[in-house]
C-alpha atoms as a PDB file:
ATOM      1  CA  UNK A   1     -92.478 -99.018   5.204  1.00  0.00           C
ATOM      2  CA  UNK A   2     -92.499 -97.538   1.609  1.00  0.00           C
ATOM      3  CA  UNK A   3     -92.901 -93.831   0.688  1.00  0.00           C
ATOM      4  CA  UNK A   4     -96.105 -94.715  -0.882  1.00  0.00           C
ATOM      5  CA  UNK A   5     -97.372 -96.368   2.386  1.00  0.00           C
ATOM      6  CA  UNK A   6     -95.712 -93.749   4.675  1.00  0.00           C
ATOM      7  CA  UNK A   7     -97.711 -90.959   2.632  1.00  0.00           C
ATOM      8  CA  UNK A   8    -100.686 -92.853   1.857  1.00  0.00           C
ATOM      9  CA  UNK A   9    -102.263 -90.988   4.952  1.00  0.00           C
ATOM     10  CA  UNK A  10    -102.720 -87.985   2.801  1.00  0.00           C
ATOM     11  CA  UNK A  11    -104.826 -86.708   0.357  1.00  0.00           C
ATOM     12  CA  UNK A  12    -103.538 -84.982  -2.672  1.00  0.00           C
ATOM     13  CA  UNK A  13    -104.419 -81.702  -1.546  1.00  0.00           C
ATOM     14  CA  UNK A  14    -102.330 -81.993   1.609  1.00  0.00           C
ATOM     15  CA  UNK A  15     -99.326 -83.175  -0.563  1.00  0.00           C
ATOM     16  CA  UNK A  16     -99.612 -79.773  -2.502  1.00  0.00           C
ATOM     17  CA  UNK A  17     -98.153 -77.516   0.592  1.00  0.00           C
ATOM     18  CA  UNK A  18     -94.765 -76.176   0.033  1.00  0.00           C
ATOM     19  CA  UNK A  19     -93.444 -77.878   3.100  1.00  0.00           C
ATOM     20  CA  UNK A  20     -94.647 -81.608   2.081  1.00  0.00           C
ATOM     21  CA  UNK A  21     -92.100 -84.446   2.187  1.00  0.00           C
ATOM     22  CA  UNK A  22     -92.996 -87.675   0.601  1.00  0.00           C
ATOM     23  CA  UNK A  23     -92.174 -89.628   3.927  1.00  0.00           C
ATOM     24  CA  UNK A  24     -93.889 -87.230   6.044  1.00  0.00           C
ATOM     25  CA  UNK A  25     -95.766 -88.671   9.095  1.00  0.00           C
ATOM     26  CA  UNK A  26     -99.061 -86.856  10.189  1.00  0.00           C
ATOM     27  CA  UNK A  27     -97.434 -85.485  13.339  1.00  0.00           C
ATOM     28  CA  UNK A  28     -94.520 -84.070  11.239  1.00  0.00           C
ATOM     29  CA  UNK A  29     -97.191 -82.646   8.936  1.00  0.00           C
ATOM     30  CA  UNK A  30     -98.739 -80.731  12.099  1.00  0.00           C
ATOM     31  CA  UNK A  31     -95.421 -79.574  13.212  1.00  0.00           C
ATOM     32  CA  UNK A  32     -94.668 -78.276   9.650  1.00  0.00           C
ATOM     33  CA  UNK A  33     -98.137 -76.598   9.426  1.00  0.00           C
ATOM     34  CA  UNK A  34     -97.860 -74.961  12.513  1.00  0.00           C
ATOM     35  CA  UNK A  35     -94.205 -73.702  11.891  1.00  0.00           C
ATOM     36  CA  UNK A  36     -95.661 -72.611   8.187  1.00  0.00           C
ATOM     37  CA  UNK A  37     -98.533 -70.421   9.645  1.00  0.00           C
ATOM     38  CA  UNK A  38     -96.473 -68.740  12.014  1.00  0.00           C
ATOM     39  CA  UNK A  39     -93.805 -67.969   9.460  1.00  0.00           C
ATOM     40  CA  UNK A  40     -96.074 -67.153   6.697  1.00  0.00           C
ATOM     41  CA  UNK A  41     -94.719 -63.693   6.392  1.00  0.00           C
ATOM     42  CA  UNK A  42     -91.408 -65.132   4.866  1.00  0.00           C
ATOM     43  CA  UNK A  43     -93.544 -67.083   1.976  1.00  0.00           C
ATOM     44  CA  UNK A  44     -94.032 -63.862  -0.349  1.00  0.00           C
ATOM     45  CA  UNK A  45     -90.412 -62.649  -0.148  1.00  0.00           C
ATOM     46  CA  UNK A  46     -89.408 -66.230  -0.922  1.00  0.00           C
ATOM     47  CA  UNK A  47     -87.585 -66.565   2.161  1.00  0.00           C
ATOM     48  CA  UNK A  48     -89.594 -69.522   3.793  1.00  0.00           C
ATOM     49  CA  UNK A  49     -87.604 -72.854   4.319  1.00  0.00           C
ATOM     50  CA  UNK A  50     -89.689 -75.755   6.022  1.00  0.00           C
ATOM     51  CA  UNK A  51     -88.099 -77.222   9.083  1.00  0.00           C
ATOM     52  CA  UNK A  52     -87.391 -80.669   7.631  1.00  0.00           C
ATOM     53  CA  UNK A  53     -84.886 -78.658   5.097  1.00  0.00           C
ATOM     54  CA  UNK A  54     -83.426 -76.620   8.075  1.00  0.00           C
ATOM     55  CA  UNK A  55     -82.838 -80.067   9.893  1.00  0.00           C
ATOM     56  CA  UNK A  56     -81.059 -81.493   6.720  1.00  0.00           C
ATOM     57  CA  UNK A  57     -78.970 -78.581   6.709  1.00  0.00           C
ATOM     58  CA  UNK A  58     -77.896 -79.036  10.170  1.00  0.00           C
ATOM     59  CA  UNK A  59     -76.907 -82.620   9.559  1.00  0.00           C
ATOM     60  CA  UNK A  60     -74.520 -81.421   6.574  1.00  0.00           C
END
């Protein structure tokens, strides 16, 4: 599955969220959205980091 095919489910509006990743599945989107809403207090001070970025950092 290509990036275009895997992200074809999402509208352009959904892709504007700060946690969007091109190969994100609908399930990952919902998980990230929940995490974003729970941690919204970190957005204004610029401290919010999406879950998928945390996971990438763990792999490094």
